[in-house]
Full PDB file with SEQRES, HELIX, SHEET, SSBOND, CRYST1, ORIGX, SCALE, CONECT and MASTER records, all heavy atoms in Angstrom:
SEQRES   1 A   43  TYR VAL ASP LYS LEU SER THR ARG ASN GLN ARG GLU LEU          
SEQRES   2 A   43  ASP LYS LEU GLY PHE LYS GLY LYS GLN PHE PRO PHE GLU          
SEQRES   3 A   43  PRO GLU SER TYR ILE GLY ASN HIS LEU MET LYS THR VAL          
SEQRES   4 A   43  ALA MET ASN MET                                              
HELIX    1 AA1 VAL A    2  LYS A    4  5                                   3    
HELIX    2 AA2 THR A    7  LEU A   16  1                                  10    
HELIX    3 AA3 TYR A   30  ASN A   33  1                                   4    
HELIX    4 AA4 HIS A   34  VAL A   39  3                                   6    
HELIX    5 AA5 ALA A   40  ASN A   42  1                                   3    
CRYST1    1.000    1.000    1.000  90.00  90.00  90.00 P 1           1          
ORIGX1      1.000000  0.000000  0.000000        0.00000                         
ORIGX2      0.000000  1.000000  0.000000        0.00000                         
ORIGX3      0.000000  0.000000  1.000000        0.00000                         
SCALE1      1.000000  0.000000  0.000000        0.00000                         
SCALE2      0.000000  1.000000  0.000000        0.00000                         
SCALE3      0.000000  0.000000  1.000000        0.00000                         
ATOM      1  N   TYR A   1      87.746  97.619  96.019  1.00  0.00           N  
ATOM      2  CA  TYR A   1      86.491  98.059  96.605  1.00  0.00           C  
ATOM      3  C   TYR A   1      86.728  98.559  98.027  1.00  0.00           C  
ATOM      4  O   TYR A   1      87.227  97.830  98.888  1.00  0.00           O  
ATOM      5  CB  TYR A   1      85.478  96.927  96.575  1.00  0.00           C  
ATOM      6  CG  TYR A   1      85.154  96.491  95.157  1.00  0.00           C  
ATOM      7  CD1 TYR A   1      85.804  95.400  94.574  1.00  0.00           C  
ATOM      8  CD2 TYR A   1      84.237  97.206  94.387  1.00  0.00           C  
ATOM      9  CE1 TYR A   1      85.539  95.021  93.267  1.00  0.00           C  
ATOM     10  CE2 TYR A   1      83.958  96.831  93.078  1.00  0.00           C  
ATOM     11  CZ  TYR A   1      84.614  95.742  92.518  1.00  0.00           C  
ATOM     12  OH  TYR A   1      84.359  95.387  91.216  1.00  0.00           O  
ATOM     13  N   VAL A   2      86.326  99.790  98.254  1.00  0.00           N  
ATOM     14  CA  VAL A   2      86.598 100.453  99.525  1.00  0.00           C  
ATOM     15  C   VAL A   2      85.939  99.742 100.694  1.00  0.00           C  
ATOM     16  O   VAL A   2      86.531  99.595 101.765  1.00  0.00           O  
ATOM     17  CB  VAL A   2      86.133 101.928  99.467  1.00  0.00           C  
ATOM     18  CG1 VAL A   2      86.315 102.598 100.828  1.00  0.00           C  
ATOM     19  CG2 VAL A   2      86.923 102.687  98.401  1.00  0.00           C  
ATOM     20  N   ASP A   3      84.701  99.255 100.511  1.00  0.00           N  
ATOM     21  CA  ASP A   3      83.995  98.629 101.633  1.00  0.00           C  
ATOM     22  C   ASP A   3      84.601  97.287 102.046  1.00  0.00           C  
ATOM     23  O   ASP A   3      84.257  96.738 103.096  1.00  0.00           O  
ATOM     24  CB  ASP A   3      82.505  98.471 101.330  1.00  0.00           C  
ATOM     25  CG  ASP A   3      82.223  97.572 100.130  1.00  0.00           C  
ATOM     26  OD1 ASP A   3      83.194  97.093  99.497  1.00  0.00           O  
ATOM     27  OD2 ASP A   3      81.038  97.343  99.823  1.00  0.00           O  
ATOM     28  N   LYS A   4      85.522  96.765 101.211  1.00  0.00           N  
ATOM     29  CA  LYS A   4      86.199  95.517 101.554  1.00  0.00           C  
ATOM     30  C   LYS A   4      87.552  95.769 102.223  1.00  0.00           C  
ATOM     31  O   LYS A   4      88.221  94.814 102.634  1.00  0.00           O  
ATOM     32  CB  LYS A   4      86.392  94.654 100.306  1.00  0.00           C  
ATOM     33  CG  LYS A   4      85.085  94.139  99.704  1.00  0.00           C  
ATOM     34  CD  LYS A   4      85.355  93.251  98.502  1.00  0.00           C  
ATOM     35  CE  LYS A   4      84.056  92.725  97.904  1.00  0.00           C  
ATOM     36  NZ  LYS A   4      84.322  91.847  96.722  1.00  0.00           N  
ATOM     37  N   LEU A   5      87.932  97.017 102.316  1.00  0.00           N  
ATOM     38  CA  LEU A   5      89.215  97.367 102.933  1.00  0.00           C  
ATOM     39  C   LEU A   5      89.083  97.459 104.447  1.00  0.00           C  
ATOM     40  O   LEU A   5      87.993  97.646 104.997  1.00  0.00           O  
ATOM     41  CB  LEU A   5      89.720  98.710 102.392  1.00  0.00           C  
ATOM     42  CG  LEU A   5      90.143  98.743 100.921  1.00  0.00           C  
ATOM     43  CD1 LEU A   5      90.491 100.166 100.518  1.00  0.00           C  
ATOM     44  CD2 LEU A   5      91.325  97.812 100.666  1.00  0.00           C  
ATOM     45  N   SER A   6      90.200  97.361 105.118  1.00  0.00           N  
ATOM     46  CA  SER A   6      90.234  97.485 106.574  1.00  0.00           C  
ATOM     47  C   SER A   6      89.884  98.905 106.993  1.00  0.00           C  
ATOM     48  O   SER A   6      89.937  99.853 106.193  1.00  0.00           O  
ATOM     49  CB  SER A   6      91.630  97.141 107.092  1.00  0.00           C  
ATOM     50  OG  SER A   6      92.579  98.108 106.643  1.00  0.00           O  
ATOM     51  N   THR A   7      89.545  99.049 108.260  1.00  0.00           N  
ATOM     52  CA  THR A   7      89.260 100.375 108.803  1.00  0.00           C  
ATOM     53  C   THR A   7      90.465 101.291 108.633  1.00  0.00           C  
ATOM     54  O   THR A   7      90.313 102.478 108.334  1.00  0.00           O  
ATOM     55  CB  THR A   7      88.881 100.271 110.293  1.00  0.00           C  
ATOM     56  OG1 THR A   7      87.732  99.424 110.438  1.00  0.00           O  
ATOM     57  CG2 THR A   7      88.573 101.644 110.870  1.00  0.00           C  
ATOM     58  N   ARG A   8      91.655 100.726 108.797  1.00  0.00           N  
ATOM     59  CA  ARG A   8      92.881 101.520 108.654  1.00  0.00           C  
ATOM     60  C   ARG A   8      92.979 102.103 107.250  1.00  0.00           C  
ATOM     61  O   ARG A   8      93.224 103.298 107.064  1.00  0.00           O  
ATOM     62  CB  ARG A   8      94.105 100.655 108.964  1.00  0.00           C  
ATOM     63  CG  ARG A   8      95.469 101.277 108.580  1.00  0.00           C  
ATOM     64  CD  ARG A   8      95.795 102.505 109.430  1.00  0.00           C  
ATOM     65  NE  ARG A   8      97.085 103.079 109.122  1.00  0.00           N  
ATOM     66  CZ  ARG A   8      98.226 102.741 109.716  1.00  0.00           C  
ATOM     67  NH1 ARG A   8      98.241 101.774 110.636  1.00  0.00           N  
ATOM     68  NH2 ARG A   8      99.345 103.352 109.427  1.00  0.00           N  
ATOM     69  N   ASN A   9      92.801 101.279 106.234  1.00  0.00           N  
ATOM     70  CA  ASN A   9      92.915 101.762 104.866  1.00  0.00           C  
ATOM     71  C   ASN A   9      91.790 102.722 104.497  1.00  0.00           C  
ATOM     72  O   ASN A   9      92.012 103.684 103.750  1.00  0.00           O  
ATOM     73  CB  ASN A   9      92.958 100.587 103.884  1.00  0.00           C  
ATOM     74  CG  ASN A   9      94.355  99.991 103.787  1.00  0.00           C  
ATOM     75  OD1 ASN A   9      95.345 100.702 103.705  1.00  0.00           O  
ATOM     76  ND2 ASN A   9      94.431  98.667 103.804  1.00  0.00           N  
ATOM     77  N   GLN A  10      90.594 102.496 105.012  1.00  0.00           N  
ATOM     78  CA  GLN A  10      89.498 103.426 104.756  1.00  0.00           C  
ATOM     79  C   GLN A  10      89.799 104.783 105.393  1.00  0.00           C  
ATOM     80  O   GLN A  10      89.494 105.829 104.807  1.00  0.00           O  
ATOM     81  CB  GLN A  10      88.186 102.856 105.292  1.00  0.00           C  
ATOM     82  CG  GLN A  10      87.690 101.642 104.507  1.00  0.00           C  
ATOM     83  CD  GLN A  10      86.317 101.173 104.957  1.00  0.00           C  
ATOM     84  OE1 GLN A  10      85.495 101.958 105.396  1.00  0.00           O  
ATOM     85  NE2 GLN A  10      86.057  99.871 104.836  1.00  0.00           N  
ATOM     86  N   ARG A  11      90.395 104.747 106.549  1.00  0.00           N  
ATOM     87  CA  ARG A  11      90.776 105.996 107.220  1.00  0.00           C  
ATOM     88  C   ARG A  11      91.849 106.738 106.424  1.00  0.00           C  
ATOM     89  O   ARG A  11      91.829 107.969 106.317  1.00  0.00           O  
ATOM     90  CB  ARG A  11      91.266 105.691 108.635  1.00  0.00           C  
ATOM     91  CG  ARG A  11      91.499 106.926 109.496  1.00  0.00           C  
ATOM     92  CD  ARG A  11      91.715 106.556 110.943  1.00  0.00           C  
ATOM     93  NE  ARG A  11      92.949 105.810 111.144  1.00  0.00           N  
ATOM     94  CZ  ARG A  11      93.006 104.558 111.569  1.00  0.00           C  
ATOM     95  NH1 ARG A  11      91.886 103.883 111.813  1.00  0.00           N  
ATOM     96  NH2 ARG A  11      94.163 103.951 111.745  1.00  0.00           N  
ATOM     97  N   GLU A  12      92.774 105.982 105.835  1.00  0.00           N  
ATOM     98  CA  GLU A  12      93.824 106.601 105.021  1.00  0.00           C  
ATOM     99  C   GLU A  12      93.231 107.232 103.757  1.00  0.00           C  
ATOM    100  O   GLU A  12      93.699 108.278 103.300  1.00  0.00           O  
ATOM    101  CB  GLU A  12      94.886 105.563 104.649  1.00  0.00           C  
ATOM    102  CG  GLU A  12      95.654 104.986 105.833  1.00  0.00           C  
ATOM    103  CD  GLU A  12      96.538 106.002 106.534  1.00  0.00           C  
ATOM    104  OE1 GLU A  12      96.832 107.054 105.935  1.00  0.00           O  
ATOM    105  OE2 GLU A  12      96.954 105.742 107.680  1.00  0.00           O  
ATOM    106  N   LEU A  13      92.222 106.607 103.185  1.00  0.00           N  
ATOM    107  CA  LEU A  13      91.553 107.182 102.019  1.00  0.00           C  
ATOM    108  C   LEU A  13      90.843 108.482 102.385  1.00  0.00           C  
ATOM    109  O   LEU A  13      90.798 109.431 101.583  1.00  0.00           O  
ATOM    110  CB  LEU A  13      90.555 106.183 101.430  1.00  0.00           C  
ATOM    111  CG  LEU A  13      91.148 104.981 100.688  1.00  0.00           C  
ATOM    112  CD1 LEU A  13      90.055 103.992 100.317  1.00  0.00           C  
ATOM    113  CD2 LEU A  13      91.894 105.436  99.436  1.00  0.00           C  
ATOM    114  N   ASP A  14      90.307 108.536 103.600  1.00  0.00           N  
ATOM    115  CA  ASP A  14      89.666 109.765 104.066  1.00  0.00           C  
ATOM    116  C   ASP A  14      90.668 110.913 104.107  1.00  0.00           C  
ATOM    117  O   ASP A  14      90.325 112.060 103.808  1.00  0.00           O  
ATOM    118  CB  ASP A  14      89.059 109.558 105.460  1.00  0.00           C  
ATOM    119  CG  ASP A  14      87.788 108.713 105.425  1.00  0.00           C  
ATOM    120  OD1 ASP A  14      87.164 108.640 104.353  1.00  0.00           O  
ATOM    121  OD2 ASP A  14      87.436 108.146 106.472  1.00  0.00           O  
ATOM    122  N   LYS A  15      91.918 110.606 104.476  1.00  0.00           N  
ATOM    123  CA  LYS A  15      92.956 111.636 104.510  1.00  0.00           C  
ATOM    124  C   LYS A  15      93.170 112.249 103.132  1.00  0.00           C  
ATOM    125  O   LYS A  15      93.519 113.424 103.011  1.00  0.00           O  
ATOM    126  CB  LYS A  15      94.278 111.048 105.000  1.00  0.00           C  
ATOM    127  CG  LYS A  15      94.324 110.660 106.455  1.00  0.00           C  
ATOM    128  CD  LYS A  15      95.709 110.125 106.794  1.00  0.00           C  
ATOM    129  CE  LYS A  15      95.802 109.647 108.227  1.00  0.00           C  
ATOM    130  NZ  LYS A  15      97.152 109.090 108.526  1.00  0.00           N  
ATOM    131  N   LEU A  16      92.972 111.434 102.110  1.00  0.00           N  
ATOM    132  CA  LEU A  16      93.163 111.896 100.737  1.00  0.00           C  
ATOM    133  C   LEU A  16      91.929 112.605 100.191  1.00  0.00           C  
ATOM    134  O   LEU A  16      91.969 113.163  99.092  1.00  0.00           O  
ATOM    135  CB  LEU A  16      93.499 110.712  99.823  1.00  0.00           C  
ATOM    136  CG  LEU A  16      94.683 109.819 100.213  1.00  0.00           C  
ATOM    137  CD1 LEU A  16      94.892 108.745  99.154  1.00  0.00           C  
ATOM    138  CD2 LEU A  16      95.945 110.638 100.394  1.00  0.00           C  
ATOM    139  N   GLY A  17      90.838 112.550 100.943  1.00  0.00           N  
ATOM    140  CA  GLY A  17      89.597 113.147 100.475  1.00  0.00           C  
ATOM    141  C   GLY A  17      88.878 112.287  99.461  1.00  0.00           C  
ATOM    142  O   GLY A  17      87.997 112.768  98.735  1.00  0.00           O  
ATOM    143  N   PHE A  18      89.213 110.999  99.418  1.00  0.00           N  
ATOM    144  CA  PHE A  18      88.585 110.099  98.453  1.00  0.00           C  
ATOM    145  C   PHE A  18      87.248 109.606  99.003  1.00  0.00           C  
ATOM    146  O   PHE A  18      87.183 109.044 100.094  1.00  0.00           O  
ATOM    147  CB  PHE A  18      89.504 108.910  98.152  1.00  0.00           C  
ATOM    148  CG  PHE A  18      88.937 107.964  97.124  1.00  0.00           C  
ATOM    149  CD1 PHE A  18      88.977 108.293  95.787  1.00  0.00           C  
ATOM    150  CD2 PHE A  18      88.355 106.762  97.502  1.00  0.00           C  
ATOM    151  CE1 PHE A  18      88.447 107.439  94.819  1.00  0.00           C  
ATOM    152  CE2 PHE A  18      87.824 105.903  96.558  1.00  0.00           C  
ATOM    153  CZ  PHE A  18      87.869 106.244  95.207  1.00  0.00           C  
ATOM    154  N   LYS A  19      86.196 109.785  98.213  1.00  0.00           N  
ATOM    155  CA  LYS A  19      84.841 109.412  98.647  1.00  0.00           C  
ATOM    156  C   LYS A  19      84.212 108.330  97.759  1.00  0.00           C  
ATOM    157  O   LYS A  19      83.055 107.965  97.959  1.00  0.00           O  
ATOM    158  CB  LYS A  19      83.938 110.649  98.662  1.00  0.00           C  
ATOM    159  CG  LYS A  19      84.440 111.782  99.546  1.00  0.00           C  
ATOM    160  CD  LYS A  19      84.557 111.357 100.997  1.00  0.00           C  
ATOM    161  CE  LYS A  19      85.037 112.512 101.868  1.00  0.00           C  
ATOM    162  NZ  LYS A  19      85.212 112.092 103.301  1.00  0.00           N  
ATOM    163  N   GLY A  20      84.951 107.825  96.787  1.00  0.00           N  
ATOM    164  CA  GLY A  20      84.400 106.837  95.872  1.00  0.00           C  
ATOM    165  C   GLY A  20      84.228 105.468  96.499  1.00  0.00           C  
ATOM    166  O   GLY A  20      84.712 105.201  97.601  1.00  0.00           O  
ATOM    167  N   LYS A  21      83.547 104.594  95.785  1.00  0.00           N  
ATOM    168  CA  LYS A  21      83.303 103.235  96.270  1.00  0.00           C  
ATOM    169  C   LYS A  21      84.385 102.263  95.808  1.00  0.00           C  
ATOM    170  O   LYS A  21      84.526 101.180  96.373  1.00  0.00           O  
ATOM    171  CB  LYS A  21      81.932 102.745  95.798  1.00  0.00           C  
ATOM    172  CG  LYS A  21      80.764 103.530  96.396  1.00  0.00           C  
ATOM    173  CD  LYS A  21      79.430 102.945  95.961  1.00  0.00           C  
ATOM    174  CE  LYS A  21      78.281 103.693  96.604  1.00  0.00           C  
ATOM    175  NZ  LYS A  21      76.949 103.130  96.204  1.00  0.00           N  
ATOM    176  N   GLN A  22      85.135 102.668  94.769  1.00  0.00           N  
ATOM    177  CA  GLN A  22      86.207 101.817  94.283  1.00  0.00           C  
ATOM    178  C   GLN A  22      87.238 102.676  93.542  1.00  0.00           C  
ATOM    179  O   GLN A  22      86.971 103.815  93.184  1.00  0.00           O  
ATOM    180  CB  GLN A  22      85.678 100.731  93.342  1.00  0.00           C  
ATOM    181  CG  GLN A  22      85.122 101.270  92.027  1.00  0.00           C  
ATOM    182  CD  GLN A  22      84.586 100.175  91.138  1.00  0.00           C  
ATOM    183  OE1 GLN A  22      83.586  99.524  91.477  1.00  0.00           O  
ATOM    184  NE2 GLN A  22      85.232  99.949  90.007  1.00  0.00           N  
ATOM    185  N   PHE A  23      88.414 102.102  93.344  1.00  0.00           N  
ATOM    186  CA  PHE A  23      89.463 102.779  92.589  1.00  0.00           C  
ATOM    187  C   PHE A  23      90.317 101.716  91.920  1.00  0.00           C  
ATOM    188  O   PHE A  23      90.386 100.568  92.390  1.00  0.00           O  
ATOM    189  CB  PHE A  23      90.327 103.679  93.492  1.00  0.00           C  
ATOM    190  CG  PHE A  23      90.972 102.963  94.644  1.00  0.00           C  
ATOM    191  CD1 PHE A  23      92.220 102.356  94.511  1.00  0.00           C  
ATOM    192  CD2 PHE A  23      90.335 102.889  95.885  1.00  0.00           C  
ATOM    193  CE1 PHE A  23      92.811 101.695  95.568  1.00  0.00           C  
ATOM    194  CE2 PHE A  23      90.921 102.231  96.960  1.00  0.00           C  
ATOM    195  CZ  PHE A  23      92.162 101.633  96.795  1.00  0.00           C  
ATOM    196  N   PRO A  24      90.975 102.043  90.800  1.00  0.00           N  
ATOM    197  CA  PRO A  24      91.822 101.052  90.129  1.00  0.00           C  
ATOM    198  C   PRO A  24      93.149 100.884  90.856  1.00  0.00           C  
ATOM    199  O   PRO A  24      93.704 101.840  91.402  1.00  0.00           O  
ATOM    200  CB  PRO A  24      92.024 101.663  88.736  1.00  0.00           C  
ATOM    201  CG  PRO A  24      91.905 103.134  88.961  1.00  0.00           C  
ATOM    202  CD  PRO A  24      90.860 103.291  90.033  1.00  0.00           C  
ATOM    203  N   PHE A  25      93.640  99.678  90.862  1.00  0.00           N  
ATOM    204  CA  PHE A  25      94.929  99.398  91.498  1.00  0.00           C  
ATOM    205  C   PHE A  25      96.053  99.935  90.609  1.00  0.00           C  
ATOM    206  O   PHE A  25      96.333  99.382  89.552  1.00  0.00           O  
ATOM    207  CB  PHE A  25      95.093  97.898  91.710  1.00  0.00           C  
ATOM    208  CG  PHE A  25      96.444  97.507  92.261  1.00  0.00           C  
ATOM    209  CD1 PHE A  25      96.840  97.933  93.515  1.00  0.00           C  
ATOM    210  CD2 PHE A  25      97.321  96.721  91.514  1.00  0.00           C  
ATOM    211  CE1 PHE A  25      98.084  97.579  94.023  1.00  0.00           C  
ATOM    212  CE2 PHE A  25      98.562  96.364  92.008  1.00  0.00           C  
ATOM    213  CZ  PHE A  25      98.939  96.801  93.271  1.00  0.00           C  
ATOM    214  N   GLU A  26      96.661 101.025  91.023  1.00  0.00           N  
ATOM    215  CA  GLU A  26      97.772 101.651  90.309  1.00  0.00           C  
ATOM    216  C   GLU A  26      98.775 102.148  91.348  1.00  0.00           C  
ATOM    217  O   GLU A  26      98.592 103.223  91.920  1.00  0.00           O  
ATOM    218  CB  GLU A  26      97.292 102.813  89.446  1.00  0.00           C  
ATOM    219  CG  GLU A  26      96.318 102.426  88.357  1.00  0.00           C  
ATOM    220  CD  GLU A  26      95.828 103.634  87.560  1.00  0.00           C  
ATOM    221  OE1 GLU A  26      96.485 104.693  87.639  1.00  0.00           O  
ATOM    222  OE2 GLU A  26      94.801 103.509  86.887  1.00  0.00           O  
ATOM    223  N   PRO A  27      99.843 101.387  91.623  1.00  0.00           N  
ATOM    224  CA  PRO A  27     100.791 101.738  92.680  1.00  0.00           C  
ATOM    225  C   PRO A  27     101.426 103.120  92.564  1.00  0.00           C  
ATOM    226  O   PRO A  27     101.812 103.708  93.560  1.00  0.00           O  
ATOM    227  CB  PRO A  27     101.852 100.639  92.572  1.00  0.00           C  
ATOM    228  CG  PRO A  27     101.107  99.473  92.028  1.00  0.00           C  
ATOM    229  CD  PRO A  27     100.151 100.073  91.037  1.00  0.00           C  
ATOM    230  N   GLU A  28     101.526 103.680  91.334  1.00  0.00           N  
ATOM    231  CA  GLU A  28     102.166 104.980  91.177  1.00  0.00           C  
ATOM    232  C   GLU A  28     101.169 106.138  91.139  1.00  0.00           C  
ATOM    233  O   GLU A  28     101.561 107.288  90.959  1.00  0.00           O  
ATOM    234  CB  GLU A  28     103.009 105.002  89.903  1.00  0.00           C  
ATOM    235  CG  GLU A  28     104.286 104.181  89.995  1.00  0.00           C  
ATOM    236  CD  GLU A  28     105.411 104.870  90.747  1.00  0.00           C  
ATOM    237  OE1 GLU A  28     105.297 105.013  91.999  1.00  0.00           O  
ATOM    238  OE2 GLU A  28     106.391 105.281  90.128  1.00  0.00           O  
ATOM    239  N   SER A  29      99.883 105.856  91.322  1.00  0.00           N  
ATOM    240  CA  SER A  29      98.884 106.919  91.374  1.00  0.00           C  
ATOM    241  C   SER A  29      98.929 107.574  92.756  1.00  0.00           C  
ATOM    242  O   SER A  29      99.632 107.125  93.662  1.00  0.00           O  
ATOM    243  CB  SER A  29      97.493 106.346  91.124  1.00  0.00           C  
ATOM    244  OG  SER A  29      97.102 105.509  92.211  1.00  0.00           O  
ATOM    245  N   TYR A  30      98.171 108.641  92.927  1.00  0.00           N  
ATOM    246  CA  TYR A  30      98.111 109.339  94.212  1.00  0.00           C  
ATOM    247  C   TYR A  30      97.649 108.392  95.319  1.00  0.00           C  
ATOM    248  O   TYR A  30      98.299 108.249  96.357  1.00  0.00           O  
ATOM    249  CB  TYR A  30      97.160 110.527  94.084  1.00  0.00           C  
ATOM    250  CG  TYR A  30      97.043 111.405  95.308  1.00  0.00           C  
ATOM    251  CD1 TYR A  30      98.160 111.772  96.050  1.00  0.00           C  
ATOM    252  CD2 TYR A  30      95.802 111.903  95.705  1.00  0.00           C  
ATOM    253  CE1 TYR A  30      98.043 112.597  97.162  1.00  0.00           C  
ATOM    254  CE2 TYR A  30      95.671 112.727  96.804  1.00  0.00           C  
ATOM    255  CZ  TYR A  30      96.794 113.076  97.533  1.00  0.00           C  
ATOM    256  OH  TYR A  30      96.676 113.901  98.627  1.00  0.00           O  
ATOM    257  N   ILE A  31      96.542 107.693  95.064  1.00  0.00           N  
ATOM    258  CA  ILE A  31      96.029 106.739  96.045  1.00  0.00           C  
ATOM    259  C   ILE A  31      97.002 105.575  96.204  1.00  0.00           C  
ATOM    260  O   ILE A  31      97.298 105.147  97.318  1.00  0.00           O  
ATOM    261  CB  ILE A  31      94.640 106.219  95.621  1.00  0.00           C  
ATOM    262  CG1 ILE A  31      93.606 107.339  95.690  1.00  0.00           C  
ATOM    263  CG2 ILE A  31      94.211 105.039  96.501  1.00  0.00           C  
ATOM    264  CD1 ILE A  31      92.232 106.936  95.179  1.00  0.00           C  
ATOM    265  N   GLY A  32      97.491 105.066  95.072  1.00  0.00           N  
ATOM    266  CA  GLY A  32      98.390 103.919  95.113  1.00  0.00           C  
ATOM    267  C   GLY A  32      99.663 104.192  95.874  1.00  0.00           C  
ATOM    268  O   GLY A  32     100.111 103.363  96.684  1.00  0.00           O  
ATOM    269  N   ASN A  33     100.286 105.336  95.639  1.00  0.00           N  
ATOM    270  CA  ASN A  33     101.504 105.678  96.362  1.00  0.00           C  
ATOM    271  C   ASN A  33     101.253 105.712  97.866  1.00  0.00           C  
ATOM    272  O   ASN A  33     102.073 105.238  98.649  1.00  0.00           O  
ATOM    273  CB  ASN A  33     102.024 107.047  95.902  1.00  0.00           C  
ATOM    274  CG  ASN A  33     103.061 106.934  94.812  1.00  0.00           C  
ATOM    275  OD1 ASN A  33     104.236 106.717  95.083  1.00  0.00           O  
ATOM    276  ND2 ASN A  33     102.627 107.054  93.572  1.00  0.00           N  
ATOM    277  N   HIS A  34     100.135 106.290  98.247  1.00  0.00           N  
ATOM    278  CA  HIS A  34      99.858 106.410  99.677  1.00  0.00           C  
ATOM    279  C   HIS A  34      99.593 105.048 100.320  1.00  0.00           C  
ATOM    280  O   HIS A  34     100.236 104.686 101.314  1.00  0.00           O  
ATOM    281  CB  HIS A  34      98.674 107.343  99.916  1.00  0.00           C  
ATOM    282  CG  HIS A  34      98.428 107.616 101.363  1.00  0.00           C  
ATOM    283  ND1 HIS A  34      99.380 108.182 102.188  1.00  0.00           N  
ATOM    284  CD2 HIS A  34      97.348 107.366 102.160  1.00  0.00           C  
ATOM    285  CE1 HIS A  34      98.899 108.284 103.422  1.00  0.00           C  
ATOM    286  NE2 HIS A  34      97.675 107.789 103.428  1.00  0.00           N  
ATOM    287  N   LEU A  35      98.682 104.280  99.732  1.00  0.00           N  
ATOM    288  CA  LEU A  35      98.326 103.000 100.346  1.00  0.00           C  
ATOM    289  C   LEU A  35      99.422 101.948 100.213  1.00  0.00           C  
ATOM    290  O   LEU A  35      99.695 101.203 101.163  1.00  0.00           O  
ATOM    291  CB  LEU A  35      97.031 102.457  99.726  1.00  0.00           C  
ATOM    292  CG  LEU A  35      95.748 103.244  99.968  1.00  0.00           C  
ATOM    293  CD1 LEU A  35      94.562 102.476  99.405  1.00  0.00           C  
ATOM    294  CD2 LEU A  35      95.538 103.530 101.452  1.00  0.00           C  
ATOM    295  N   MET A  36     100.051 101.869  99.033  1.00  0.00           N  
ATOM    296  CA  MET A  36     100.979 100.782  98.766  1.00  0.00           C  
ATOM    297  C   MET A  36     102.410 101.068  99.237  1.00  0.00           C  
ATOM    298  O   MET A  36     103.197 100.131  99.405  1.00  0.00           O  
ATOM    299  CB  MET A  36     100.989 100.444  97.279  1.00  0.00           C  
ATOM    300  CG  MET A  36      99.607 100.139  96.716  1.00  0.00           C  
ATOM    301  SD  MET A  36      98.664  98.959  97.735  1.00  0.00           S  
ATOM    302  CE  MET A  36      99.705  97.508  97.646  1.00  0.00           C  
ATOM    303  N   LYS A  37     102.746 102.333  99.432  1.00  0.00           N  
ATOM    304  CA  LYS A  37     104.098 102.664  99.885  1.00  0.00           C  
ATOM    305  C   LYS A  37     104.082 103.270 101.283  1.00  0.00           C  
ATOM    306  O   LYS A  37     104.601 102.691 102.232  1.00  0.00           O  
ATOM    307  CB  LYS A  37     104.766 103.610  98.880  1.00  0.00           C  
ATOM    308  CG  LYS A  37     104.955 102.977  97.510  1.00  0.00           C  
ATOM    309  CD  LYS A  37     105.583 103.951  96.529  1.00  0.00           C  
ATOM    310  CE  LYS A  37     105.681 103.344  95.146  1.00  0.00           C  
ATOM    311  NZ  LYS A  37     106.220 104.295  94.134  1.00  0.00           N  
ATOM    312  N   THR A  38     103.466 104.443 101.417  1.00  0.00           N  
ATOM    313  CA  THR A  38     103.501 105.124 102.717  1.00  0.00           C  
ATOM    314  C   THR A  38     102.802 104.330 103.808  1.00  0.00           C  
ATOM    315  O   THR A  38     103.353 104.135 104.893  1.00  0.00           O  
ATOM    316  CB  THR A  38     102.870 106.517 102.603  1.00  0.00           C  
ATOM    317  OG1 THR A  38     103.551 107.259 101.584  1.00  0.00           O  
ATOM    318  CG2 THR A  38     102.984 107.266 103.918  1.00  0.00           C  
ATOM    319  N   VAL A  39     101.594 103.869 103.543  1.00  0.00           N  
ATOM    320  CA  VAL A  39     100.855 103.125 104.569  1.00  0.00           C  
ATOM    321  C   VAL A  39     101.536 101.799 104.868  1.00  0.00           C  
ATOM    322  O   VAL A  39     101.666 101.404 106.037  1.00  0.00           O  
ATOM    323  CB  VAL A  39      99.390 102.904 104.134  1.00  0.00           C  
ATOM    324  CG1 VAL A  39      98.664 102.011 105.144  1.00  0.00           C  
ATOM    325  CG2 VAL A  39      98.666 104.244 104.009  1.00  0.00           C  
ATOM    326  N   ALA A  40     101.999 101.105 103.824  1.00  0.00           N  
ATOM    327  CA  ALA A  40     102.718  99.841 104.035  1.00  0.00           C  
ATOM    328  C   ALA A  40     103.953 100.077 104.896  1.00  0.00           C  
ATOM    329  O   ALA A  40     104.247  99.300 105.821  1.00  0.00           O  
ATOM    330  CB  ALA A  40     103.115  99.238 102.694  1.00  0.00           C  
ATOM    331  N   MET A  41     104.680 101.145 104.599  1.00  0.00           N  
ATOM    332  CA  MET A  41     105.871 101.483 105.376  1.00  0.00           C  
ATOM    333  C   MET A  41     105.511 101.817 106.816  1.00  0.00           C  
ATOM    334  O   MET A  41     106.117 101.303 107.761  1.00  0.00           O  
ATOM    335  CB  MET A  41     106.570 102.684 104.738  1.00  0.00           C  
ATOM    336  CG  MET A  41     107.747 103.224 105.546  1.00  0.00           C  
ATOM    337  SD  MET A  41     108.427 104.753 104.833  1.00  0.00           S  
ATOM    338  CE  MET A  41     107.070 105.898 105.181  1.00  0.00           C  
ATOM    339  N   ASN A  42     104.503 102.670 107.001  1.00  0.00           N  
ATOM    340  CA  ASN A  42     104.129 103.085 108.354  1.00  0.00           C  
ATOM    341  C   ASN A  42     103.651 101.918 109.210  1.00  0.00           C  
ATOM    342  O   ASN A  42     103.935 101.855 110.411  1.00  0.00           O  
ATOM    343  CB  ASN A  42     103.058 104.170 108.297  1.00  0.00           C  
ATOM    344  CG  ASN A  42     103.617 105.522 107.899  1.00  0.00           C  
ATOM    345  OD1 ASN A  42     104.823 105.761 107.999  1.00  0.00           O  
ATOM    346  ND2 ASN A  42     102.763 106.419 107.447  1.00  0.00           N  
ATOM    347  N   MET A  43     102.932 101.001 108.602  1.00  0.00           N  
ATOM    348  CA  MET A  43     102.476  99.828 109.361  1.00  0.00           C  
ATOM    349  C   MET A  43     103.668  99.007 109.836  1.00  0.00           C  
ATOM    350  O   MET A  43     103.668  98.474 110.950  1.00  0.00           O  
ATOM    351  CB  MET A  43     101.523  98.986 108.517  1.00  0.00           C  
ATOM    352  CG  MET A  43     100.163  99.629 108.308  1.00  0.00           C  
ATOM    353  SD  MET A  43      98.890  98.510 107.605  1.00  0.00           S  
ATOM    354  CE  MET A  43      99.567  98.190 105.984  1.00  0.00           C  
TER     355      MET A  43                                                      
MASTER        0    0    0    5    0    0    0    6  354    1    0    4          
END                                                                             
């Protein structure tokens, strides 16, 4: 659920153009790769 995520992760979703309220946890998806790999690495 997007509204339960940190400001950082919500900002990262904005970069992807994602406007939904929720998304399925899939590490190899477009959203999953970004949040679970790139964002984790950058942090």
